[in-house]
N, C-alpha and C. Protein backbone atom coordinates (compact mmCIF):
# COMPACT_ATOMS: atom_id res chain seq x y z
N UNK A 1 -14.68 26.81 12.27
CA UNK A 1 -16.49 27.10 11.78
C UNK A 1 -16.27 27.68 10.62
N UNK A 2 -16.57 27.15 9.30
CA UNK A 2 -16.99 27.59 8.37
C UNK A 2 -17.96 29.00 7.63
N UNK A 3 -18.51 29.82 7.35
CA UNK A 3 -19.32 30.63 7.15
C UNK A 3 -20.27 29.96 6.07
N UNK A 4 -19.29 29.51 5.45
CA UNK A 4 -20.25 29.12 4.14
C UNK A 4 -20.02 27.33 3.47
N UNK A 5 -21.22 27.20 4.00
CA UNK A 5 -21.52 25.61 3.98
C UNK A 5 -21.71 26.01 2.65
N UNK A 6 -22.11 24.85 1.87
CA UNK A 6 -22.16 24.10 0.57
C UNK A 6 -23.63 23.79 0.61
N UNK A 7 -24.75 23.87 -0.03
CA UNK A 7 -26.00 23.77 -0.30
C UNK A 7 -26.77 22.94 -1.78
N UNK A 8 -27.07 22.17 -1.48
CA UNK A 8 -27.55 22.54 -3.07
C UNK A 8 -29.04 21.88 -3.21
N UNK A 9 -29.97 23.21 -4.15
CA UNK A 9 -30.95 22.74 -4.36
C UNK A 9 -31.09 22.99 -6.30
N UNK A 10 -31.54 21.45 -6.25
CA UNK A 10 -31.47 20.74 -7.60
C UNK A 10 -29.97 20.86 -8.76
N UNK A 11 -30.27 21.58 -9.58
CA UNK A 11 -28.67 21.37 -9.68
C UNK A 11 -27.47 22.86 -9.79
N UNK A 12 -28.37 23.50 -9.18
CA UNK A 12 -27.66 24.23 -8.63
C UNK A 12 -26.89 24.85 -7.15
N UNK A 13 -25.87 25.01 -6.69
CA UNK A 13 -25.90 25.17 -5.58
C UNK A 13 -26.96 26.23 -5.29
N UNK A 14 -27.16 26.61 -3.77
CA UNK A 14 -27.65 27.45 -3.53
C UNK A 14 -26.50 28.53 -2.73
N UNK A 15 -26.90 29.71 -2.35
CA UNK A 15 -26.01 30.82 -1.72
C UNK A 15 -25.70 30.39 -0.92
N UNK A 16 -24.47 30.25 0.06
CA UNK A 16 -24.19 29.85 1.42
C UNK A 16 -24.76 31.03 2.02
N UNK A 17 -24.90 30.80 3.73
CA UNK A 17 -25.57 31.46 4.73
C UNK A 17 -24.63 32.00 4.76
N UNK A 18 -24.35 33.48 5.09
CA UNK A 18 -23.62 34.54 5.11
C UNK A 18 -24.20 35.77 5.91
N UNK A 19 -23.09 36.08 6.71
CA UNK A 19 -23.28 37.37 8.44
C UNK A 19 -23.79 38.57 7.09
N UNK A 20 -24.67 39.47 8.14
CA UNK A 20 -25.16 40.51 7.52
C UNK A 20 -24.23 41.74 7.00
N UNK A 21 -24.76 42.86 6.02
CA UNK A 21 -24.20 43.89 5.64
C UNK A 21 -23.58 44.52 7.17
N UNK A 22 -22.01 44.58 7.05
CA UNK A 22 -21.75 45.84 8.16
C UNK A 22 -21.54 44.81 9.28
N UNK A 23 -20.95 43.16 8.88
CA UNK A 23 -20.63 42.56 9.70
C UNK A 23 -19.21 42.69 9.40
N UNK A 24 -18.09 41.81 10.45
CA UNK A 24 -16.68 41.47 10.25
C UNK A 24 -16.35 40.43 10.45
N UNK A 25 -15.65 40.08 9.63
CA UNK A 25 -15.22 38.01 9.32
C UNK A 25 -13.34 38.22 9.09
N UNK A 26 -13.44 37.56 9.43
CA UNK A 26 -11.73 37.33 9.63
C UNK A 26 -11.09 35.89 8.86
N UNK A 27 -9.86 35.10 8.50
CA UNK A 27 -9.89 34.34 7.57
C UNK A 27 -8.73 33.83 8.15
N UNK A 28 -8.44 34.76 9.51
CA UNK A 28 -6.81 34.45 10.34
C UNK A 28 -6.22 35.61 9.92
N UNK A 29 -5.86 36.28 8.84
CA UNK A 29 -4.31 36.93 8.77
C UNK A 29 -5.63 38.49 8.06
N UNK A 30 -6.33 38.61 7.86
CA UNK A 30 -7.42 40.01 7.16
C UNK A 30 -8.43 40.23 8.26
N UNK A 31 -9.09 42.02 8.48
CA UNK A 31 -10.27 41.69 8.85
C UNK A 31 -10.76 42.19 8.05
N UNK A 32 -12.02 41.90 7.61
CA UNK A 32 -13.31 42.09 6.40
C UNK A 32 -14.49 42.36 6.60
N UNK A 33 -14.82 43.47 6.25
CA UNK A 33 -16.21 43.61 6.64
C UNK A 33 -16.90 43.12 5.31
N UNK A 34 -18.19 42.75 5.77
CA UNK A 34 -19.49 42.83 4.45
C UNK A 34 -19.91 43.68 4.07
N UNK A 35 -19.25 43.81 3.03
CA UNK A 35 -19.97 45.04 2.20
C UNK A 35 -21.71 44.62 1.28
N UNK A 36 -22.18 43.06 1.12
CA UNK A 36 -22.72 43.11 0.55
C UNK A 36 -23.13 41.49 0.35
N UNK A 37 -24.25 41.12 0.62
CA UNK A 37 -24.36 39.91 0.85
C UNK A 37 -24.69 39.10 -0.85
N UNK A 38 -25.32 37.85 -0.64
CA UNK A 38 -25.29 37.28 -2.21
C UNK A 38 -26.27 38.08 -3.17
N UNK A 39 -25.69 38.32 -4.65
CA UNK A 39 -26.48 39.13 -5.63
C UNK A 39 -25.96 38.56 -6.39
N UNK A 40 -27.26 38.58 -7.61
CA UNK A 40 -27.05 37.55 -8.75
C UNK A 40 -27.08 38.38 -9.86
N UNK A 41 -25.69 38.34 -10.88
CA UNK A 41 -25.40 39.25 -11.68
C UNK A 41 -25.47 37.91 -13.22
N UNK A 42 -26.69 38.21 -13.65
CA UNK A 42 -26.38 37.32 -14.88
C UNK A 42 -26.31 35.36 -14.14
N UNK A 43 -25.72 34.24 -14.59
CA UNK A 43 -25.29 33.43 -13.60
C UNK A 43 -24.05 33.41 -13.19
N UNK A 44 -23.80 34.55 -12.23
CA UNK A 44 -23.03 34.30 -11.44
C UNK A 44 -23.59 34.98 -10.20
N UNK A 45 -22.79 34.53 -9.02
CA UNK A 45 -23.54 34.60 -7.73
C UNK A 45 -22.41 35.42 -6.96
N UNK A 46 -22.08 36.19 -6.46
CA UNK A 46 -21.15 36.68 -5.51
C UNK A 46 -21.37 37.45 -4.44
N UNK A 47 -21.25 38.17 -3.05
CA UNK A 47 -20.87 38.63 -1.67
C UNK A 47 -19.56 39.52 -2.23
N UNK A 48 -19.41 40.93 -1.38
CA UNK A 48 -18.22 41.78 -1.49
C UNK A 48 -17.96 41.84 -0.29
N UNK A 49 -16.40 41.80 -0.20
CA UNK A 49 -16.51 42.34 0.97
C UNK A 49 -15.33 43.56 0.69
N UNK A 50 -14.49 43.45 1.78
CA UNK A 50 -14.00 45.51 2.38
C UNK A 50 -12.63 45.08 2.87
N UNK A 51 -11.66 45.02 2.56
CA UNK A 51 -10.25 44.55 3.28
C UNK A 51 -10.09 45.92 4.12
N UNK A 52 -10.50 45.82 5.64
CA UNK A 52 -10.52 46.59 6.38
C UNK A 52 -9.20 47.53 6.51
N UNK A 53 -7.69 47.00 5.61
CA UNK A 53 -6.70 47.57 6.01
C UNK A 53 -6.78 48.27 4.94
N UNK A 54 -6.71 47.93 3.55
CA UNK A 54 -6.34 48.33 2.22
C UNK A 54 -7.60 49.51 1.74
N UNK A 55 -8.87 48.62 2.27
CA UNK A 55 -10.53 49.41 1.99
C UNK A 55 -10.85 48.78 0.28
N UNK A 56 -10.13 48.28 0.08
CA UNK A 56 -10.26 47.72 -1.19
C UNK A 56 -11.69 46.82 -1.09
N UNK A 57 -12.12 47.15 -2.28
CA UNK A 57 -14.01 45.72 -2.04
C UNK A 57 -13.56 45.12 -3.45
N UNK A 58 -14.20 43.31 -3.12
CA UNK A 58 -13.99 42.41 -3.88
C UNK A 58 -15.09 41.86 -3.64
N UNK A 59 -15.43 41.39 -4.88
CA UNK A 59 -16.67 40.50 -4.78
C UNK A 59 -16.48 38.94 -4.99
N UNK A 60 -16.84 38.12 -4.10
CA UNK A 60 -16.26 36.79 -3.66
C UNK A 60 -17.29 35.64 -4.14
N UNK A 61 -17.15 34.28 -5.52
CA UNK A 61 -17.88 33.66 -5.38
C UNK A 61 -18.18 32.58 -4.35
N UNK A 62 -19.30 31.81 -4.31
CA UNK A 62 -19.19 31.37 -3.22
C UNK A 62 -18.07 30.17 -3.13
N UNK A 63 -17.45 29.85 -3.60
CA UNK A 63 -16.72 28.27 -3.55
C UNK A 63 -15.44 29.44 -2.90
N UNK A 64 -15.16 30.18 -4.02
CA UNK A 64 -14.04 31.42 -3.20
C UNK A 64 -14.38 31.48 -1.44
N UNK A 65 -15.78 31.58 -1.36
CA UNK A 65 -15.49 31.96 0.50
C UNK A 65 -15.40 30.89 1.04
N UNK A 66 -15.96 29.64 0.45
CA UNK A 66 -15.78 28.51 1.51
C UNK A 66 -14.24 28.17 1.52
N UNK A 67 -13.15 28.49 0.54
CA UNK A 67 -11.62 28.32 0.51
C UNK A 67 -11.03 28.90 1.76
N UNK A 68 -12.02 30.18 1.87
CA UNK A 68 -11.16 31.65 2.38
C UNK A 68 -11.09 31.16 4.00
N UNK A 69 -12.22 30.28 4.43
CA UNK A 69 -12.32 29.61 5.69
C UNK A 69 -12.60 30.81 7.12
N UNK A 70 -13.86 31.67 6.38
CA UNK A 70 -14.11 32.84 7.03
C UNK A 70 -14.54 32.53 8.20
N UNK A 71 -14.36 33.13 9.67
CA UNK A 71 -15.10 33.04 10.78
C UNK A 71 -15.35 34.57 11.02
N UNK A 72 -16.94 34.48 11.93
CA UNK A 72 -17.35 35.92 12.44
C UNK A 72 -16.45 36.40 13.28
N UNK A 73 -16.53 37.84 13.55
CA UNK A 73 -15.74 38.54 14.19
C UNK A 73 -16.49 39.36 15.27
N UNK A 74 -16.64 38.72 16.72
CA UNK A 74 -17.61 39.70 17.70
C UNK A 74 -17.40 41.38 17.58
N UNK A 75 -17.93 42.45 18.02
CA UNK A 75 -17.52 43.36 18.01
C UNK A 75 -18.90 43.59 19.14
N UNK A 76 -18.37 44.57 19.52
CA UNK A 76 -18.70 45.52 21.31
C UNK A 76 -18.91 46.71 21.04
N UNK A 77 -20.33 46.95 21.51
CA UNK A 77 -21.01 48.67 21.08
C UNK A 77 -21.28 49.27 22.49
């Protein structure tokens, strides 16, 4: 199940539905933490994810997230 379905509003795609800040997702190889949900800077929309192994934070566009085929990770508290 992909977390980034493509939706269209007018001529510009809407940001995909995405887990809340602090949630964890995986692409099957890496564990990633959601640092920020979708934000718009100029004409660009992105979300930030932190690699839990390297602690590097990267901003990803909706199309990149779709290609990553992310899945939610359940945590127990």
